[in-house]
Amino acid sequence: MMILSKIVAYNAKNTYLLVDNGLKIMDTMVLVSCILVVIAALIFTFSTGYNEPNVAAVVISTKATSLRKALFAVGFLEFVGACFLGTAVAKTFAVGIIDPQVVSGSRYGMVIVLVTLVVSTAWNIICTKLGFPVSASMALVGGFVGAGIAAAGFEIVQWATVLFIFGVLISSPVMGFLVSFIVTKLAYVAVKKAKPTVKYTITILEIIVTGILALVTGANAAQRPMGIISFSLITAGLYVPEESKYIPTWVIVTCGLALALGIISTGRKVLKTIGRGYYRIRHINGFSAQIASAAVIQGANIIGMPISTTQVTSSSVLGTGGAECLKAVRWNAGFRVLGMWFITMPAMAVVSYLVYLLVVYFFKLMGI
């Protein structure tokens, strides 16, 4: 990898000169834009953790542990997962949705990323206030595609990858439901003749599985903004990735921290929706739902696909509830949230498309 020199000079024309086996010139506007992208990405990551306390919701609802302990433990483990469980999902966002080479050199290339992050963050915050567990992945992909199309037309989008991502996002809740349903049935068979003390064992297993779920969730949720930041750095010519180290270390750590802080500060309305809004779960249901969610999310991590952890955990709760008693599941609550998920990606694409055009029009009026 070509490593940029740490020698930075500032000249009278307000341009930064970075030296590395030759001279690289970066306009001040590009540097400022990159800084804004990093800030916006970290705010988005925080809002993602704030809106997606899905991992902690189940163990809090079953009272396997207290709210404070659950949020701090899950936040820490998601940070660990973000830092140490690979960067395949981040790579997908960095080069798999919009080709950074197409955007490189574009006067308003950074605007694509900024619009995507601002619109997606606003969507996260609004849905959190309303108590809807929104899909941050769908919001980010939709916003990225919409702003990209506004900037350079449909050809800028790598449609094969986008369609595959959409397929994974749509099929993952189905997988979560089915796996949770099956695990619940098997769990009841396993404990059918067990002693009453098995309840304590199941509670411990529920907590352990929740820890595993937190690790794999952090490895997926934090990597979306990692990829966005890396896309911006590559586009600006500030970073040339290696196959062995595709995402800069400082990007990995800061995104992991932002996600953890968001979880610790999470929205209580969303906790209530996931933990009690679909089905009044017990420890055996919590164990089944958490292990199903962890399996589906880790599968997505392995193939490098972003996934809505909220979708998966919510559908897993529906699955375990359905396995126990179909009539006791609050299907109307699930379908209402499902409707929000389906409109997220197209809505974000349209909004980002329009916002990008407005921002660029404003810049041109200002002579920028």
Protein backbone atom coordinates (compact mmCIF):
# COMPACT_ATOMS: atom_id res chain seq x y z
CA MET A 1 0.00 0.00 0.00
CA MET A 2 1.18 3.50 -0.80
CA ILE A 3 1.39 5.23 2.58
CA LEU A 4 0.84 8.97 2.72
CA SER A 5 3.62 11.01 4.24
CA LYS A 6 3.05 12.68 7.58
CA ILE A 7 4.72 15.80 6.21
CA VAL A 8 1.95 18.32 5.57
CA ALA A 9 2.55 21.85 4.36
CA TYR A 10 0.13 24.70 3.96
CA ASN A 11 0.65 27.21 1.15
CA ALA A 12 -0.65 30.70 0.37
CA LYS A 13 -3.33 29.37 -1.98
CA ASN A 14 -5.04 27.44 0.86
CA THR A 15 -4.10 24.01 -0.43
CA TYR A 16 -2.53 21.18 1.50
CA LEU A 17 0.51 19.46 0.04
CA LEU A 18 1.05 15.85 1.04
CA VAL A 19 4.35 14.29 -0.02
CA ASP A 20 4.85 10.59 -0.72
CA ASN A 21 7.22 9.66 -3.55
CA GLY A 22 5.93 12.66 -5.40
CA LEU A 23 3.57 15.53 -4.78
CA LYS A 24 -0.12 15.18 -4.05
CA ILE A 25 -2.32 18.24 -3.93
CA MET A 26 -5.59 18.29 -2.07
CA ASP A 27 -7.87 21.26 -2.11
CA THR A 28 -8.90 22.61 1.28
CA MET A 29 -12.54 22.00 0.44
CA VAL A 30 -11.87 18.27 -0.02
CA LEU A 31 -10.05 18.08 3.32
CA VAL A 32 -12.88 19.88 5.12
CA SER A 33 -15.41 17.63 3.39
CA CYS A 34 -13.57 14.52 4.58
CA ILE A 35 -13.59 15.81 8.16
CA LEU A 36 -17.33 16.49 7.91
CA VAL A 37 -17.90 12.98 6.52
CA VAL A 38 -16.09 11.44 9.49
CA ILE A 39 -18.13 13.52 11.96
CA ALA A 40 -21.41 12.72 10.16
CA ALA A 41 -20.53 9.01 10.00
CA LEU A 42 -19.83 8.88 13.73
CA ILE A 43 -23.12 10.66 14.48
CA PHE A 44 -24.90 8.14 12.24
CA THR A 45 -23.16 5.27 14.07
CA PHE A 46 -24.24 6.70 17.40
CA SER A 47 -27.83 7.00 16.15
CA THR A 48 -27.68 3.40 14.93
CA GLY A 49 -26.74 2.16 18.40
CA TYR A 50 -29.35 4.47 19.92
CA ASN A 51 -32.09 3.03 17.69
CA GLU A 52 -30.93 -0.60 17.69
CA PRO A 53 -30.76 -1.80 21.31
CA ASN A 54 -32.19 -5.07 20.04
CA VAL A 55 -29.50 -7.27 21.60
CA ALA A 56 -30.17 -5.94 25.09
CA ALA A 57 -33.96 -5.74 24.74
CA VAL A 58 -34.61 -9.45 25.20
CA VAL A 59 -32.51 -10.04 28.34
CA ILE A 60 -33.95 -6.87 29.87
CA SER A 61 -37.50 -7.98 29.08
CA THR A 62 -36.98 -11.44 30.63
CA LYS A 63 -35.22 -9.82 33.60
CA ALA A 64 -32.18 -12.01 33.10
CA THR A 65 -30.18 -8.91 34.03
CA SER A 66 -30.80 -5.25 34.83
CA LEU A 67 -31.18 -2.56 32.17
CA ARG A 68 -27.98 -0.73 33.12
CA LYS A 69 -25.84 -3.89 33.23
CA ALA A 70 -27.27 -5.15 29.94
CA LEU A 71 -26.69 -1.91 28.05
CA PHE A 72 -23.11 -1.46 29.28
CA ALA A 73 -22.20 -5.12 28.66
CA VAL A 74 -23.77 -5.16 25.19
CA GLY A 75 -22.16 -1.82 24.31
CA PHE A 76 -18.72 -3.10 25.31
CA LEU A 77 -19.11 -6.42 23.47
CA GLU A 78 -20.37 -4.71 20.31
CA PHE A 79 -17.27 -2.49 20.43
CA VAL A 80 -15.10 -5.62 20.70
CA GLY A 81 -16.95 -7.25 17.81
CA ALA A 82 -16.57 -4.13 15.68
CA CYS A 83 -12.81 -4.04 16.26
CA PHE A 84 -11.84 -7.71 16.04
CA LEU A 85 -14.33 -9.71 13.96
CA GLY A 86 -13.29 -8.71 10.46
CA THR A 87 -14.19 -5.97 7.96
CA ALA A 88 -15.95 -7.83 5.12
CA VAL A 89 -19.15 -5.77 5.51
CA ALA A 90 -17.17 -2.50 5.56
CA LYS A 91 -15.45 -3.48 2.32
CA THR A 92 -18.85 -4.03 0.69
CA PHE A 93 -19.87 -0.48 1.59
CA ALA A 94 -16.50 0.97 0.57
CA VAL A 95 -16.40 -0.39 -2.98
CA GLY A 96 -19.43 -2.63 -3.56
CA ILE A 97 -22.33 -0.16 -3.81
CA ILE A 98 -20.85 2.82 -5.64
CA ASP A 99 -17.50 2.57 -7.41
CA PRO A 100 -15.18 5.10 -5.70
CA GLN A 101 -13.12 5.38 -8.90
CA VAL A 102 -16.15 6.87 -10.67
CA VAL A 103 -16.52 9.53 -7.98
CA SER A 104 -12.79 10.30 -7.65
CA GLY A 105 -12.02 13.76 -8.95
CA SER A 106 -15.67 14.80 -8.88
CA ARG A 107 -16.17 18.30 -7.54
CA TYR A 108 -19.15 17.24 -5.46
CA GLY A 109 -18.12 13.65 -4.70
CA MET A 110 -18.11 14.19 -0.95
CA VAL A 111 -21.63 15.61 -1.13
CA ILE A 112 -22.89 12.10 -2.01
CA VAL A 113 -21.59 10.76 1.28
CA LEU A 114 -22.63 13.73 3.40
CA VAL A 115 -26.19 13.68 2.06
CA THR A 116 -26.40 9.92 2.63
CA LEU A 117 -25.26 10.21 6.24
CA VAL A 118 -27.38 13.26 7.14
CA VAL A 119 -30.58 11.82 5.66
CA SER A 120 -30.01 8.37 7.20
CA THR A 121 -29.22 9.83 10.61
CA ALA A 122 -32.36 11.98 10.54
CA TRP A 123 -34.41 8.90 9.67
CA ASN A 124 -32.86 6.96 12.58
CA ILE A 125 -33.60 9.72 15.07
CA ILE A 126 -37.18 10.31 13.90
CA CYS A 127 -38.04 6.60 14.01
CA THR A 128 -36.43 6.27 17.45
CA LYS A 129 -38.57 9.09 18.82
CA LEU A 130 -41.66 7.38 17.41
CA GLY A 131 -40.61 4.03 18.90
CA PHE A 132 -40.06 2.25 15.56
CA PRO A 133 -37.08 -0.14 15.32
CA VAL A 134 -35.85 1.08 11.93
CA SER A 135 -33.41 -0.65 9.58
CA ALA A 136 -30.26 1.48 9.60
CA SER A 137 -28.79 -0.73 6.85
CA MET A 138 -31.72 -0.09 4.53
CA ALA A 139 -31.58 3.63 5.27
CA LEU A 140 -27.87 3.83 4.52
CA VAL A 141 -27.98 1.73 1.34
CA GLY A 142 -31.04 3.58 0.05
CA GLY A 143 -29.51 6.98 0.76
CA PHE A 144 -26.19 6.01 -0.81
CA VAL A 145 -27.89 4.78 -4.00
CA GLY A 146 -30.18 7.80 -4.28
CA ALA A 147 -27.42 10.38 -3.84
CA GLY A 148 -25.16 8.42 -6.22
CA ILE A 149 -27.80 8.38 -8.95
CA ALA A 150 -28.36 12.12 -8.53
CA ALA A 151 -24.63 12.71 -8.91
CA ALA A 152 -23.77 10.50 -11.89
CA GLY A 153 -26.80 8.58 -13.10
CA PHE A 154 -27.82 4.95 -12.74
CA GLU A 155 -24.54 3.62 -14.11
CA ILE A 156 -22.65 4.70 -10.98
CA VAL A 157 -24.49 2.08 -8.92
CA GLN A 158 -23.21 -1.50 -8.82
CA TRP A 159 -26.66 -2.99 -9.15
CA ALA A 160 -25.67 -6.65 -8.79
CA THR A 161 -24.33 -6.00 -5.29
CA VAL A 162 -27.21 -3.68 -4.34
CA LEU A 163 -29.81 -6.25 -5.41
CA PHE A 164 -27.96 -8.95 -3.49
CA ILE A 165 -27.88 -6.73 -0.39
CA PHE A 166 -31.61 -6.06 -0.77
CA GLY A 167 -32.25 -9.80 -1.06
CA VAL A 168 -30.26 -10.48 2.11
CA LEU A 169 -32.07 -7.70 3.98
CA ILE A 170 -35.46 -9.04 2.94
CA SER A 171 -34.72 -12.75 3.52
CA SER A 172 -32.90 -12.37 6.84
CA PRO A 173 -36.05 -11.73 8.92
CA VAL A 174 -37.61 -14.85 7.41
CA MET A 175 -34.51 -16.82 8.40
CA GLY A 176 -34.60 -15.32 11.90
CA PHE A 177 -38.24 -16.35 12.31
CA LEU A 178 -37.72 -19.90 11.05
CA VAL A 179 -34.54 -20.59 13.01
CA SER A 180 -36.04 -19.20 16.21
CA PHE A 181 -39.22 -21.23 15.70
CA ILE A 182 -37.21 -24.45 15.27
CA VAL A 183 -34.83 -23.76 18.17
CA THR A 184 -37.78 -23.05 20.47
CA LYS A 185 -39.46 -26.33 19.58
CA LEU A 186 -36.20 -28.23 20.17
CA ALA A 187 -35.59 -26.39 23.44
CA TYR A 188 -39.00 -27.41 24.80
CA VAL A 189 -38.33 -31.03 23.86
CA ALA A 190 -34.95 -30.86 25.65
CA VAL A 191 -36.37 -29.48 28.92
CA LYS A 192 -39.62 -31.46 28.92
CA LYS A 193 -38.49 -33.85 31.64
CA ALA A 194 -35.91 -31.57 33.25
CA LYS A 195 -35.93 -30.54 36.91
CA PRO A 196 -37.22 -27.06 37.91
CA THR A 197 -33.62 -25.93 38.43
CA VAL A 198 -33.21 -25.98 34.63
CA LYS A 199 -34.68 -22.46 34.63
CA TYR A 200 -31.45 -21.14 36.16
CA THR A 201 -29.38 -22.95 33.52
CA ILE A 202 -31.50 -21.50 30.71
CA THR A 203 -31.10 -18.01 32.17
CA ILE A 204 -27.31 -18.37 32.18
CA LEU A 205 -27.38 -19.70 28.62
CA GLU A 206 -29.57 -16.77 27.59
CA ILE A 207 -27.00 -14.32 28.96
CA ILE A 208 -24.09 -16.16 27.27
CA VAL A 209 -25.86 -16.25 23.90
CA THR A 210 -26.70 -12.57 24.27
CA GLY A 211 -22.98 -11.87 24.64
CA ILE A 212 -22.25 -13.79 21.45
CA LEU A 213 -25.05 -11.94 19.67
CA ALA A 214 -23.57 -8.61 20.81
CA LEU A 215 -20.19 -9.54 19.32
CA VAL A 216 -21.54 -10.49 15.89
CA THR A 217 -23.95 -7.54 15.86
CA GLY A 218 -21.10 -5.11 16.50
CA ALA A 219 -19.19 -6.71 13.64
CA ASN A 220 -22.05 -5.84 11.29
CA ALA A 221 -23.57 -2.59 12.55
CA ALA A 222 -20.34 -0.62 13.01
CA GLN A 223 -18.92 -1.70 9.67
CA ARG A 224 -21.48 0.20 7.58
CA PRO A 225 -20.11 3.64 8.56
CA MET A 226 -16.56 2.23 8.46
CA GLY A 227 -17.13 1.49 4.79
CA ILE A 228 -18.64 4.92 4.15
CA ILE A 229 -15.65 6.70 5.71
CA SER A 230 -13.21 4.50 3.80
CA PHE A 231 -15.11 5.21 0.56
CA SER A 232 -14.63 8.95 1.20
CA LEU A 233 -10.92 8.59 1.99
CA ILE A 234 -10.33 6.48 -1.13
CA THR A 235 -12.30 8.93 -3.27
CA ALA A 236 -10.30 11.88 -1.95
CA GLY A 237 -7.01 10.09 -2.55
CA LEU A 238 -6.16 10.08 1.15
CA TYR A 239 -6.11 6.31 1.54
CA VAL A 240 -5.10 3.41 -0.67
CA PRO A 241 -6.29 0.16 0.94
CA GLU A 242 -4.50 -3.15 1.07
CA GLU A 243 -6.24 -6.49 0.80
CA SER A 244 -4.95 -7.44 4.26
CA LYS A 245 -6.00 -4.15 5.85
CA TYR A 246 -8.86 -2.61 3.95
CA ILE A 247 -10.15 -0.27 6.66
CA PRO A 248 -7.85 2.11 8.62
CA THR A 249 -7.46 1.16 12.29
CA TRP A 250 -8.56 4.58 13.57
CA VAL A 251 -11.80 4.27 11.57
CA ILE A 252 -12.53 0.86 13.09
CA VAL A 253 -11.94 2.04 16.67
CA THR A 254 -13.90 5.31 16.42
CA CYS A 255 -16.91 3.67 14.77
CA GLY A 256 -16.90 0.92 17.41
CA LEU A 257 -16.86 3.51 20.18
CA ALA A 258 -19.66 5.56 18.61
CA LEU A 259 -21.84 2.45 18.32
CA ALA A 260 -21.19 1.46 21.95
CA LEU A 261 -22.03 4.96 23.22
CA GLY A 262 -25.27 4.93 21.22
CA ILE A 263 -26.31 1.63 22.77
CA ILE A 264 -25.58 2.84 26.29
CA SER A 265 -27.73 5.93 25.61
CA THR A 266 -30.43 3.93 23.84
CA GLY A 267 -34.06 4.83 23.24
CA ARG A 268 -36.33 3.22 25.84
CA LYS A 269 -39.33 3.17 23.47
CA VAL A 270 -37.50 0.86 21.08
CA LEU A 271 -36.48 -1.41 23.95
CA LYS A 272 -40.12 -1.72 24.91
CA THR A 273 -41.22 -2.45 21.32
CA ILE A 274 -38.77 -5.31 20.81
CA GLY A 275 -38.84 -6.70 24.34
CA ARG A 276 -42.59 -6.67 24.94
CA GLY A 277 -44.33 -5.29 21.87
CA TYR A 278 -44.40 -8.58 19.91
CA TYR A 279 -44.66 -11.29 22.55
CA ARG A 280 -44.25 -11.56 26.30
CA ILE A 281 -41.18 -13.76 26.27
CA ARG A 282 -39.65 -15.91 28.99
CA HIS A 283 -36.08 -17.13 29.44
CA ILE A 284 -36.45 -20.09 27.09
CA ASN A 285 -37.86 -17.75 24.44
CA GLY A 286 -35.06 -15.27 25.04
CA PHE A 287 -32.44 -18.00 24.62
CA SER A 288 -34.06 -19.26 21.42
CA ALA A 289 -34.48 -15.80 19.89
CA GLN A 290 -30.93 -14.71 20.73
CA ILE A 291 -29.22 -17.83 19.37
CA ALA A 292 -31.27 -17.63 16.16
CA SER A 293 -30.38 -13.96 15.70
CA ALA A 294 -26.68 -14.62 16.30
CA ALA A 295 -26.63 -17.42 13.70
CA VAL A 296 -28.32 -15.33 10.99
CA ILE A 297 -26.24 -12.20 11.62
CA GLN A 298 -22.95 -14.10 11.68
CA GLY A 299 -23.92 -15.72 8.40
CA ALA A 300 -24.29 -12.25 6.89
CA ASN A 301 -20.92 -11.22 8.36
CA ILE A 302 -19.21 -14.17 6.71
CA ILE A 303 -20.47 -13.25 3.23
CA GLY A 304 -19.80 -9.54 3.83
CA MET A 305 -23.40 -8.36 3.64
CA PRO A 306 -24.96 -5.60 5.77
CA ILE A 307 -28.02 -6.80 7.62
CA SER A 308 -30.69 -5.18 9.74
CA THR A 309 -29.99 -6.51 13.21
CA THR A 310 -33.33 -5.04 14.33
CA GLN A 311 -35.18 -6.97 11.64
CA VAL A 312 -33.50 -10.22 12.61
CA THR A 313 -33.96 -9.90 16.38
CA SER A 314 -37.57 -8.75 16.01
CA SER A 315 -38.46 -11.61 13.67
CA SER A 316 -36.69 -14.03 16.01
CA VAL A 317 -38.92 -12.88 18.87
CA LEU A 318 -41.95 -13.42 16.62
CA GLY A 319 -40.59 -16.86 15.74
CA THR A 320 -40.15 -18.03 19.31
CA GLY A 321 -43.55 -16.65 20.23
CA GLY A 322 -45.15 -18.37 17.26
CA ALA A 323 -43.56 -21.67 18.25
CA GLU A 324 -45.16 -21.42 21.67
CA CYS A 325 -48.55 -19.93 20.85
CA LEU A 326 -49.45 -18.34 17.51
CA LYS A 327 -52.47 -16.54 18.95
CA ALA A 328 -50.41 -14.88 21.70
CA VAL A 329 -48.12 -13.11 19.23
CA ARG A 330 -48.96 -9.46 18.54
CA TRP A 331 -48.78 -9.83 14.77
CA ASN A 332 -50.21 -6.36 14.13
CA ALA A 333 -47.20 -4.76 15.87
CA GLY A 334 -44.82 -6.86 13.81
CA PHE A 335 -46.54 -6.02 10.52
CA ARG A 336 -46.56 -2.30 11.37
CA VAL A 337 -42.81 -2.32 11.87
CA LEU A 338 -42.38 -4.52 8.78
CA GLY A 339 -44.14 -1.83 6.77
CA MET A 340 -41.61 0.73 7.99
CA TRP A 341 -38.76 -1.52 6.88
CA PHE A 342 -40.17 -1.93 3.37
CA ILE A 343 -40.56 1.80 2.76
CA THR A 344 -37.17 2.74 4.26
CA MET A 345 -34.89 1.96 1.31
CA PRO A 346 -36.97 3.56 -1.49
CA ALA A 347 -37.90 6.51 0.73
CA MET A 348 -34.26 7.19 1.60
CA ALA A 349 -33.25 6.87 -2.06
CA VAL A 350 -35.81 9.47 -3.15
CA VAL A 351 -35.06 11.88 -0.30
CA SER A 352 -31.28 11.62 -0.78
CA TYR A 353 -31.69 12.14 -4.53
CA LEU A 354 -33.64 15.36 -3.98
CA VAL A 355 -31.43 16.64 -1.16
CA TYR A 356 -28.29 16.09 -3.25
CA LEU A 357 -29.75 18.13 -6.12
CA LEU A 358 -30.73 20.93 -3.73
CA VAL A 359 -27.31 21.04 -2.07
CA VAL A 360 -25.44 21.11 -5.37
CA TYR A 361 -27.79 23.80 -6.71
CA PHE A 362 -27.08 25.88 -3.60
CA PHE A 363 -23.31 25.41 -4.00
CA LYS A 364 -23.48 26.55 -7.60
CA LEU A 365 -25.47 29.63 -6.62
CA MET A 366 -22.77 30.44 -4.06
CA GLY A 367 -20.06 29.94 -6.69
CA ILE A 368 -18.57 26.94 -4.90
